[in-house]
Amino acid sequence: MSEPDAPRPSDRHVQSFARGLQVIRSFDSAHPAQTLSEVASRTGLTRAGARRILLTLQGQGYVRADGRLFRLTPRILELGFAYLSSQPLWHLAEPVMQHLAETVHESCSMAVLDGTEIVYLLRVPARKIMSINLGVGSRLPAYCTSMGRVLLGGLGTQERQMALGTDALPARTQATLTAPADVMKAIDQARAQGWCLVADELEQGLTSLAAPIEDRSGRVAAALNISTHSSAPRDALLAQALPALRQAARDISDLLRRTGG
């Protein structure tokens, strides 16, 4: 019996679907409402192509038109919730994180790695200490965040090098490590000790501690962190908050293993 033909590029890539995702991603906090011309410009599509996609999304209830402006509707959240509802971490971690936030009196978050960024899956705020408004789905660069370095530490050496690249990384503050070699050392240290502390690198005045959450195979599936103001004594933070954070990460990891995650 002859082998089936190898899939052609067109079999693996539905261009119209990819363009539809481009249009959805063109809406963000800086561009919550866009004209047809703006969508076309931001996606590189023709006006006719952008119009067809917007009208399709409108027909499905994911976009609404207000005169010349198009906006996403709350129904777009279904797409993200489909991912969250399929992840056991979402259900297992929340009560553990609530307890951790109450114990250390600091904000607590959980994130996963997506390319060179971390994506927030769950957040339990205790007090606002960041100028950045974070919520489920928020993204931050991995190289200068405690959760990012923990998650990058779960990758192989070659994958970490690819994620960091060879060029200097953007400096978020004066304290940000920007040389890939320096960031790699910090990742290696976090991996060896099982936790990571980042102070003032993402935002001046912000210190965060993170620990890995592992699945049943020992793979780093997510990261858990607590955030506090940099004025808090570091020795006290490591002595009091770090043990609670690491225990919470172990508890979530154990729950994940028991559910087969």
Protein backbone atom coordinates (compact mmCIF):
# COMPACT_ATOMS: atom_id res chain seq x y z
CA MET A 1 0.00 0.00 0.00
CA SER A 2 1.45 3.38 -0.97
CA GLU A 3 2.22 6.00 1.64
CA PRO A 4 -0.17 8.97 1.76
CA ASP A 5 1.06 12.14 0.15
CA ALA A 6 2.89 14.55 2.44
CA PRO A 7 0.70 17.50 3.40
CA ARG A 8 1.12 20.51 1.16
CA PRO A 9 1.74 23.95 2.73
CA SER A 10 -1.87 24.91 1.98
CA ASP A 11 -3.05 21.87 3.96
CA ARG A 12 -1.22 23.06 7.05
CA HIS A 13 -1.98 26.78 6.88
CA VAL A 14 -5.42 28.30 6.44
CA GLN A 15 -4.52 31.84 5.41
CA SER A 16 -7.92 33.38 5.99
CA PHE A 17 -8.01 32.02 9.55
CA ALA A 18 -4.52 33.35 10.23
CA ARG A 19 -5.57 36.76 8.93
CA GLY A 20 -8.63 36.69 11.17
CA LEU A 21 -6.38 36.17 14.18
CA GLN A 22 -4.22 39.08 13.00
CA VAL A 23 -7.27 41.32 12.99
CA ILE A 24 -8.27 40.23 16.51
CA ARG A 25 -4.74 40.85 17.80
CA SER A 26 -4.69 44.33 16.26
CA PHE A 27 -7.05 45.49 19.01
CA ASP A 28 -5.30 46.26 22.28
CA SER A 29 -5.31 48.76 25.15
CA ALA A 30 -3.81 51.42 22.89
CA HIS A 31 -6.21 50.64 20.03
CA PRO A 32 -9.55 49.55 21.58
CA ALA A 33 -11.52 51.01 18.65
CA GLN A 34 -10.30 51.17 15.06
CA THR A 35 -11.52 52.23 11.67
CA LEU A 36 -11.33 49.88 8.73
CA SER A 37 -8.29 51.77 7.43
CA GLU A 38 -6.52 51.46 10.79
CA VAL A 39 -7.14 47.71 10.96
CA ALA A 40 -5.83 47.30 7.44
CA SER A 41 -2.73 49.36 8.24
CA ARG A 42 -1.95 47.54 11.48
CA THR A 43 -2.37 44.08 9.96
CA GLY A 44 -0.89 44.70 6.51
CA LEU A 45 -4.14 43.60 4.87
CA THR A 46 -5.93 45.32 2.04
CA ARG A 47 -9.01 47.34 2.97
CA ALA A 48 -11.17 44.78 1.18
CA GLY A 49 -9.55 41.89 3.03
CA ALA A 50 -9.81 43.61 6.40
CA ARG A 51 -13.46 44.48 5.72
CA ARG A 52 -14.39 40.86 4.92
CA ILE A 53 -12.77 39.64 8.15
CA LEU A 54 -14.31 42.36 10.31
CA LEU A 55 -17.77 41.66 8.89
CA THR A 56 -17.27 37.93 9.50
CA LEU A 57 -16.23 38.58 13.10
CA GLN A 58 -19.19 40.95 13.46
CA GLY A 59 -21.54 38.27 12.16
CA GLN A 60 -20.16 35.81 14.72
CA GLY A 61 -20.62 38.34 17.53
CA TYR A 62 -16.92 38.96 18.24
CA VAL A 63 -16.83 42.51 16.83
CA ARG A 64 -19.33 45.36 16.85
CA ALA A 65 -19.46 48.48 14.71
CA ASP A 66 -20.07 51.94 16.15
CA GLY A 67 -20.34 54.11 13.09
CA ARG A 68 -16.92 53.94 11.41
CA LEU A 69 -15.28 52.35 14.45
CA PHE A 70 -14.97 48.65 15.16
CA ARG A 71 -14.55 47.19 18.66
CA LEU A 72 -14.19 43.73 20.12
CA THR A 73 -17.15 42.46 22.13
CA PRO A 74 -17.04 40.56 25.45
CA ARG A 75 -17.72 37.39 23.47
CA ILE A 76 -14.04 37.41 22.44
CA LEU A 77 -13.28 36.25 25.99
CA GLU A 78 -14.72 32.85 25.04
CA LEU A 79 -11.55 32.20 23.05
CA GLY A 80 -9.29 32.77 26.04
CA PHE A 81 -11.60 31.05 28.49
CA ALA A 82 -11.51 27.91 26.36
CA TYR A 83 -7.80 27.68 27.18
CA LEU A 84 -8.19 28.52 30.86
CA SER A 85 -11.08 26.12 31.41
CA SER A 86 -9.05 23.29 29.86
CA GLN A 87 -6.15 23.81 32.26
CA PRO A 88 -6.31 22.03 35.65
CA LEU A 89 -3.97 24.68 37.05
CA TRP A 90 -6.75 27.26 36.83
CA HIS A 91 -9.00 25.29 39.18
CA LEU A 92 -6.33 23.91 41.49
CA ALA A 93 -4.20 26.96 42.08
CA GLU A 94 -6.72 29.60 43.08
CA PRO A 95 -7.44 28.51 46.69
CA VAL A 96 -3.73 27.90 47.33
CA MET A 97 -2.90 31.34 45.97
CA GLN A 98 -5.64 32.98 48.03
CA HIS A 99 -4.14 31.42 51.15
CA LEU A 100 -0.64 32.51 50.16
CA ALA A 101 -1.73 36.12 49.54
CA GLU A 102 -3.47 36.21 52.92
CA THR A 103 -0.42 34.71 54.65
CA VAL A 104 2.22 37.06 53.24
CA HIS A 105 -0.11 40.05 52.70
CA GLU A 106 1.23 40.53 49.18
CA SER A 107 -0.11 40.11 45.64
CA CYS A 108 0.24 36.63 44.17
CA SER A 109 0.28 35.63 40.49
CA MET A 110 0.68 32.59 38.28
CA ALA A 111 1.98 32.66 34.70
CA VAL A 112 3.11 30.44 31.86
CA LEU A 113 5.71 31.01 29.16
CA ASP A 114 4.69 31.94 25.63
CA GLY A 115 7.75 32.50 23.46
CA THR A 116 9.73 35.33 25.02
CA GLU A 117 6.89 36.54 27.23
CA ILE A 118 5.03 35.41 30.31
CA VAL A 119 1.23 35.31 30.24
CA TYR A 120 -0.75 35.74 33.45
CA LEU A 121 -3.25 32.95 34.12
CA LEU A 122 -4.36 33.97 37.58
CA ARG A 123 -3.75 36.91 39.89
CA VAL A 124 -4.74 37.55 43.50
CA PRO A 125 -4.04 41.23 44.22
CA ALA A 126 -3.38 42.33 47.78
CA ARG A 127 -2.46 45.94 47.08
CA LYS A 128 -1.49 47.91 44.01
CA ILE A 129 2.29 48.32 43.86
CA MET A 130 2.78 48.43 40.09
CA SER A 131 1.95 51.15 37.61
CA ILE A 132 1.15 48.37 35.12
CA ASN A 133 -2.44 47.15 35.35
CA LEU A 134 -2.14 43.36 35.35
CA GLY A 135 -4.89 40.80 34.89
CA VAL A 136 -5.54 37.43 33.30
CA GLY A 137 -3.98 37.45 29.82
CA SER A 138 -1.51 40.26 30.58
CA ARG A 139 1.93 39.80 29.08
CA LEU A 140 5.36 40.84 30.32
CA PRO A 141 8.87 40.12 29.02
CA ALA A 142 10.34 36.95 30.48
CA TYR A 143 13.98 38.06 30.73
CA CYS A 144 13.44 40.73 33.43
CA THR A 145 10.71 39.11 35.54
CA SER A 146 11.06 36.56 38.33
CA MET A 147 8.44 34.24 36.84
CA GLY A 148 10.02 34.60 33.42
CA ARG A 149 13.43 33.53 34.67
CA VAL A 150 11.92 30.57 36.50
CA LEU A 151 10.07 29.53 33.35
CA LEU A 152 13.10 30.04 31.12
CA GLY A 153 15.04 27.90 33.57
CA GLY A 154 12.71 25.03 32.72
CA LEU A 155 13.88 25.07 29.10
CA GLY A 156 16.91 23.40 27.61
CA THR A 157 20.08 25.45 27.15
CA GLN A 158 19.57 25.92 23.41
CA GLU A 159 15.93 27.00 23.87
CA ARG A 160 16.97 29.53 26.51
CA GLN A 161 19.65 30.94 24.23
CA MET A 162 17.16 31.27 21.39
CA ALA A 163 14.69 33.06 23.70
CA LEU A 164 17.32 35.57 24.82
CA GLY A 165 19.07 36.08 21.50
CA THR A 166 22.49 37.68 21.20
CA ASP A 167 21.63 41.38 21.11
CA ALA A 168 21.29 43.62 24.14
CA LEU A 169 17.82 43.41 25.67
CA PRO A 170 15.71 46.53 26.34
CA ALA A 171 16.36 48.22 29.67
CA ARG A 172 13.12 48.73 31.60
CA THR A 173 14.97 50.50 34.43
CA GLN A 174 18.57 51.31 35.32
CA ALA A 175 18.73 47.99 37.18
CA THR A 176 17.60 45.78 34.28
CA LEU A 177 20.07 43.13 33.17
CA THR A 178 20.37 43.64 29.42
CA ALA A 179 23.31 41.45 28.39
CA PRO A 180 22.03 37.97 27.42
CA ALA A 181 25.02 36.37 29.18
CA ASP A 182 24.10 38.11 32.45
CA VAL A 183 20.47 37.12 32.15
CA MET A 184 21.52 33.54 31.43
CA LYS A 185 23.57 33.50 34.65
CA ALA A 186 20.56 34.76 36.60
CA ILE A 187 18.38 32.06 35.01
CA ASP A 188 20.93 29.37 35.84
CA GLN A 189 21.05 30.58 39.44
CA ALA A 190 17.25 30.52 39.70
CA ARG A 191 17.18 27.02 38.25
CA ALA A 192 19.83 25.75 40.66
CA GLN A 193 18.28 27.23 43.81
CA GLY A 194 14.66 26.59 42.88
CA TRP A 195 13.46 30.18 43.15
CA CYS A 196 14.16 33.62 41.74
CA LEU A 197 14.24 37.14 43.12
CA VAL A 198 14.13 40.16 40.80
CA ALA A 199 14.35 43.67 42.23
CA ASP A 200 13.74 46.92 40.31
CA GLU A 201 14.40 45.37 36.88
CA LEU A 202 10.86 45.39 35.50
CA GLU A 203 9.78 48.50 37.35
CA GLN A 204 11.57 50.72 39.84
CA GLY A 205 10.38 49.99 43.36
CA LEU A 206 9.06 46.50 42.57
CA THR A 207 10.56 43.29 43.98
CA SER A 208 9.17 39.87 43.12
CA LEU A 209 9.88 36.31 44.18
CA ALA A 210 8.97 33.33 42.03
CA ALA A 211 9.06 29.54 42.29
CA PRO A 212 8.34 26.84 39.70
CA ILE A 213 5.20 24.70 39.49
CA GLU A 214 6.01 21.27 38.09
CA ASP A 215 3.82 18.66 36.41
CA ARG A 216 4.00 14.90 37.00
CA SER A 217 6.98 14.56 34.64
CA GLY A 218 8.97 17.19 36.53
CA ARG A 219 8.59 19.76 33.74
CA VAL A 220 8.15 23.39 34.77
CA ALA A 221 4.52 23.95 33.81
CA ALA A 222 4.03 27.40 35.33
CA ALA A 223 5.51 29.85 37.80
CA LEU A 224 4.09 31.31 40.99
CA ASN A 225 5.17 34.65 42.41
CA ILE A 226 4.56 37.26 45.07
CA SER A 227 5.28 40.94 44.54
CA THR A 228 6.15 43.60 47.07
CA HIS A 229 7.68 47.05 47.27
CA SER A 230 11.46 47.17 47.09
CA SER A 231 11.56 49.09 50.36
CA ALA A 232 10.68 45.87 52.19
CA PRO A 233 13.80 44.39 53.89
CA ARG A 234 15.14 41.65 51.62
CA ASP A 235 16.33 39.45 54.50
CA ALA A 236 12.84 39.46 56.01
CA LEU A 237 11.29 38.74 52.61
CA LEU A 238 13.51 35.71 52.08
CA ALA A 239 13.06 34.49 55.65
CA GLN A 240 9.29 34.87 55.85
CA ALA A 241 7.73 35.01 52.39
CA LEU A 242 10.00 32.68 50.42
CA PRO A 243 9.21 29.53 52.47
CA ALA A 244 5.46 30.21 52.11
CA LEU A 245 5.83 30.79 48.37
CA ARG A 246 7.82 27.61 47.81
CA GLN A 247 5.37 25.57 49.87
CA ALA A 248 2.45 26.94 47.85
CA ALA A 249 4.27 26.06 44.61
CA ARG A 250 4.87 22.52 45.91
CA ASP A 251 1.22 22.20 46.95
CA ILE A 252 0.00 23.21 43.50
CA SER A 253 2.54 20.89 41.87
CA ASP A 254 1.31 17.99 44.03
CA LEU A 255 -2.30 18.74 43.11
CA LEU A 256 -1.35 18.89 39.45
CA ARG A 257 0.40 15.51 39.62
CA ARG A 258 -2.58 13.88 41.33
CA THR A 259 -4.90 15.05 38.56
CA GLY A 260 -2.58 13.70 35.90
CA GLY A 261 -1.38 17.11 34.74
